[in-house]
Amino acid sequence: MDIRNFFFKNRSFTPAPIAISIIYFAQQNNQNVLVGIGILFLGELIRMWSVSYAGGETRTTSVGAPSLCTAGPYGFVRNPIYVGNMLMYLGIVIIAGSPNLTLMALITMAFFIIQYSLIISLEEEKLDELFGSDYLAYKKNVRAIIPRFSRWKTDDKRTPLPFTKLIRTEKRTLQNVAFILTLIVIRINYLH
């Protein structure tokens, strides 16, 4: 079995050990909570902006896409959802605190960089197969994780999902964040 498929199909669950570690090492009297909330909020805004253009297809367990999305945030970076996810987890690390916050942040980011590198590699093979020269031109002009300063010019005229549909699509992510934050609060206030 290709390890990339494992990470792709289980990408909602593979961060569980990281989440458990963040909760376990959470600290009282964390001075960085507001910074963490800001980074978490920024990550979720990026995710929502991305999902509003890509739609519910981002929740699939099979690699592929019905069309090549280059509109909205996809004109700045090829994988804005992954960028948003990494920022969200970084925000959660900062909110929780840790005896060694820098180490916890580095471990968390290293995990996601490895996971997303594997997933992106798999997805790019499929997108290249599905969209050929259009995808190669997109890939040549828009980086995978580090955003461009200006939006890449595209013919993709799709419009974002309505807010109510976006919230329904993003409901599980919002529930997971609330659950992790609740466990952090319980750990800090009741289990120290």
Protein backbone atom coordinates (compact mmCIF):
# COMPACT_ATOMS: atom_id res chain seq x y z
CA MET A 1 0.00 0.00 0.00
CA ASP A 2 1.21 3.48 -0.87
CA ILE A 3 1.77 5.40 2.39
CA ARG A 4 0.47 8.51 0.62
CA ASN A 5 -2.95 6.84 0.21
CA PHE A 6 -3.00 5.99 3.91
CA PHE A 7 -2.37 9.62 4.88
CA PHE A 8 -4.85 10.92 2.29
CA LYS A 9 -7.69 8.61 3.33
CA ASN A 10 -7.05 9.12 7.04
CA ARG A 11 -6.08 12.80 7.02
CA SER A 12 -8.88 13.64 9.46
CA PHE A 13 -7.58 11.11 11.99
CA THR A 14 -3.80 11.06 11.63
CA PRO A 15 -3.37 14.30 13.64
CA ALA A 16 -4.96 12.61 16.71
CA PRO A 17 -1.60 11.84 18.41
CA ILE A 18 -0.56 15.47 17.93
CA ALA A 19 -3.90 16.69 19.35
CA ILE A 20 -3.55 14.36 22.36
CA SER A 21 0.00 15.65 22.98
CA ILE A 22 -1.16 19.27 22.76
CA ILE A 23 -3.93 18.57 25.29
CA TYR A 24 -1.65 16.56 27.61
CA PHE A 25 1.02 19.28 27.79
CA ALA A 26 -1.43 22.21 28.05
CA GLN A 27 -0.35 24.78 30.66
CA GLN A 28 -2.13 27.14 33.01
CA ASN A 29 -1.24 30.83 32.95
CA ASN A 30 -0.47 30.86 29.25
CA GLN A 31 0.31 34.45 28.22
CA ASN A 32 -0.12 33.75 24.49
CA VAL A 33 -3.80 32.77 24.35
CA LEU A 34 -4.87 35.83 22.32
CA VAL A 35 -2.06 35.28 19.80
CA GLY A 36 -3.15 31.64 19.47
CA ILE A 37 -6.79 32.61 19.01
CA GLY A 38 -5.78 35.06 16.27
CA ILE A 39 -3.73 32.42 14.41
CA LEU A 40 -6.50 29.81 14.83
CA PHE A 41 -9.08 32.30 13.52
CA LEU A 42 -6.86 33.22 10.53
CA GLY A 43 -6.41 29.52 9.71
CA GLU A 44 -10.15 28.89 9.86
CA LEU A 45 -10.86 31.93 7.66
CA ILE A 46 -8.39 30.60 5.06
CA ARG A 47 -10.03 27.15 5.27
CA MET A 48 -13.52 28.61 4.86
CA TRP A 49 -12.45 30.81 1.95
CA SER A 50 -10.87 27.76 0.30
CA VAL A 51 -13.81 25.43 0.90
CA SER A 52 -16.19 28.10 -0.41
CA TYR A 53 -14.48 27.74 -3.81
CA ALA A 54 -13.61 24.02 -3.81
CA GLY A 55 -16.90 22.88 -2.24
CA GLY A 56 -17.67 19.62 -0.48
CA GLU A 57 -15.31 17.70 -2.76
CA THR A 58 -12.59 18.50 -0.22
CA ARG A 59 -14.12 15.88 2.11
CA THR A 60 -13.69 12.94 -0.26
CA THR A 61 -11.57 9.87 0.43
CA SER A 62 -10.69 9.34 -3.23
CA VAL A 63 -8.03 11.41 -4.94
CA GLY A 64 -9.24 13.60 -7.80
CA ALA A 65 -11.38 16.59 -8.63
CA PRO A 66 -14.33 17.24 -10.93
CA SER A 67 -12.60 20.39 -12.22
CA LEU A 68 -9.38 22.31 -11.67
CA CYS A 69 -10.08 25.04 -9.11
CA THR A 70 -7.83 28.07 -9.58
CA ALA A 71 -10.25 30.76 -8.36
CA GLY A 72 -10.31 32.55 -5.02
CA PRO A 73 -7.45 31.51 -2.70
CA TYR A 74 -6.32 28.89 -5.24
CA GLY A 75 -4.94 31.76 -7.33
CA PHE A 76 -2.47 32.48 -4.50
CA VAL A 77 -1.53 28.96 -3.34
CA ARG A 78 -2.38 25.49 -4.67
CA ASN A 79 -3.27 24.02 -1.26
CA PRO A 80 -4.90 26.78 0.79
CA ILE A 81 -6.90 24.31 2.90
CA TYR A 82 -3.66 22.72 4.10
CA VAL A 83 -2.20 26.15 4.84
CA GLY A 84 -5.33 26.94 6.87
CA ASN A 85 -5.12 23.62 8.72
CA MET A 86 -1.49 24.19 9.68
CA LEU A 87 -2.28 27.67 10.98
CA MET A 88 -5.24 26.31 12.93
CA TYR A 89 -3.11 23.68 14.63
CA LEU A 90 -0.37 26.20 15.33
CA GLY A 91 -2.99 28.44 16.94
CA ILE A 92 -4.24 25.54 19.07
CA VAL A 93 -0.67 24.79 20.21
CA ILE A 94 -0.22 28.41 21.24
CA ILE A 95 -3.61 28.55 23.00
CA ALA A 96 -2.81 25.37 24.96
CA GLY A 97 0.71 26.36 25.86
CA SER A 98 3.35 23.79 26.75
CA PRO A 99 6.40 23.44 29.01
CA ASN A 100 8.36 23.92 25.77
CA LEU A 101 6.06 25.81 23.40
CA THR A 102 8.67 26.12 20.65
CA LEU A 103 9.30 22.36 20.60
CA MET A 104 5.57 21.55 20.58
CA ALA A 105 5.02 24.01 17.70
CA LEU A 106 7.97 22.57 15.75
CA ILE A 107 6.80 18.97 16.23
CA THR A 108 3.27 19.92 15.17
CA MET A 109 4.45 21.79 12.06
CA ALA A 110 6.91 19.00 11.16
CA PHE A 111 4.10 16.46 11.33
CA PHE A 112 1.87 18.49 9.03
CA ILE A 113 4.67 19.31 6.59
CA ILE A 114 5.47 15.59 6.25
CA GLN A 115 1.82 14.55 6.01
CA TYR A 116 0.89 17.24 3.50
CA SER A 117 4.02 16.64 1.41
CA LEU A 118 2.93 13.02 1.00
CA ILE A 119 -0.69 13.94 0.28
CA ILE A 120 0.21 16.74 -2.15
CA SER A 121 2.51 14.38 -4.05
CA LEU A 122 -0.35 11.91 -4.49
CA GLU A 123 -2.88 14.59 -5.41
CA GLU A 124 -0.55 16.21 -7.94
CA GLU A 125 -0.04 12.92 -9.79
CA LYS A 126 -3.81 12.59 -10.16
CA LEU A 127 -4.37 16.24 -11.11
CA ASP A 128 -1.63 16.01 -13.72
CA GLU A 129 -3.34 12.93 -15.14
CA LEU A 130 -6.79 14.58 -15.11
CA PHE A 131 -5.94 18.10 -16.29
CA GLY A 132 -2.61 17.76 -18.14
CA SER A 133 -1.17 21.00 -19.51
CA ASP A 134 -3.70 23.18 -17.65
CA TYR A 135 -2.50 21.75 -14.35
CA LEU A 136 1.16 22.00 -15.34
CA ALA A 137 0.71 25.71 -16.17
CA TYR A 138 -1.04 26.24 -12.84
CA LYS A 139 1.66 24.32 -10.97
CA LYS A 140 4.37 26.33 -12.72
CA ASN A 141 2.82 29.64 -11.63
CA VAL A 142 1.34 28.91 -8.17
CA ARG A 143 3.36 27.31 -5.35
CA ALA A 144 2.04 24.39 -3.29
CA ILE A 145 2.17 25.89 0.22
CA ILE A 146 3.84 29.31 0.15
CA PRO A 147 1.37 31.87 -1.26
CA ARG A 148 2.12 34.29 -4.08
CA PHE A 149 1.94 38.01 -3.33
CA SER A 150 -0.45 38.61 -6.21
CA ARG A 151 -3.21 36.38 -7.53
CA TRP A 152 -2.36 34.30 -10.58
CA LYS A 153 -4.51 35.27 -13.56
CA THR A 154 -6.99 32.50 -14.28
CA ASP A 155 -10.03 31.85 -16.44
CA ASP A 156 -11.76 30.06 -13.55
CA LYS A 157 -14.90 32.17 -12.95
CA ARG A 158 -16.52 30.03 -10.24
CA THR A 159 -18.21 31.83 -7.38
CA PRO A 160 -17.96 30.91 -3.71
CA LEU A 161 -20.60 28.83 -1.95
CA PRO A 162 -23.32 30.71 -0.09
CA PHE A 163 -22.43 31.17 3.59
CA THR A 164 -25.12 28.76 4.87
CA LYS A 165 -23.91 25.96 2.60
CA LEU A 166 -20.29 26.73 3.52
CA ILE A 167 -21.07 26.41 7.24
CA ARG A 168 -22.78 23.04 6.64
CA THR A 169 -19.72 21.86 4.70
CA GLU A 170 -17.33 23.13 7.37
CA LYS A 171 -19.42 21.95 10.35
CA ARG A 172 -17.23 18.95 11.20
CA THR A 173 -14.04 21.04 11.29
CA LEU A 174 -15.68 23.61 13.57
CA GLN A 175 -16.95 20.83 15.86
CA ASN A 176 -13.46 19.26 16.04
CA VAL A 177 -11.86 22.59 16.95
CA ALA A 178 -14.48 23.20 19.64
CA PHE A 179 -13.92 19.68 21.00
CA ILE A 180 -10.12 20.08 21.19
CA LEU A 181 -10.43 23.52 22.81
CA THR A 182 -12.93 22.12 25.34
CA LEU A 183 -10.50 19.31 26.24
CA ILE A 184 -7.70 21.87 26.65
CA VAL A 185 -9.87 23.93 29.02
CA ILE A 186 -10.77 20.79 31.02
CA ARG A 187 -7.10 19.75 31.18
CA ILE A 188 -5.93 23.17 32.32
CA ASN A 189 -8.70 23.87 34.83
CA TYR A 190 -9.58 20.48 36.26
CA LEU A 191 -6.76 18.00 35.69
CA HIS A 192 -3.70 19.91 36.94
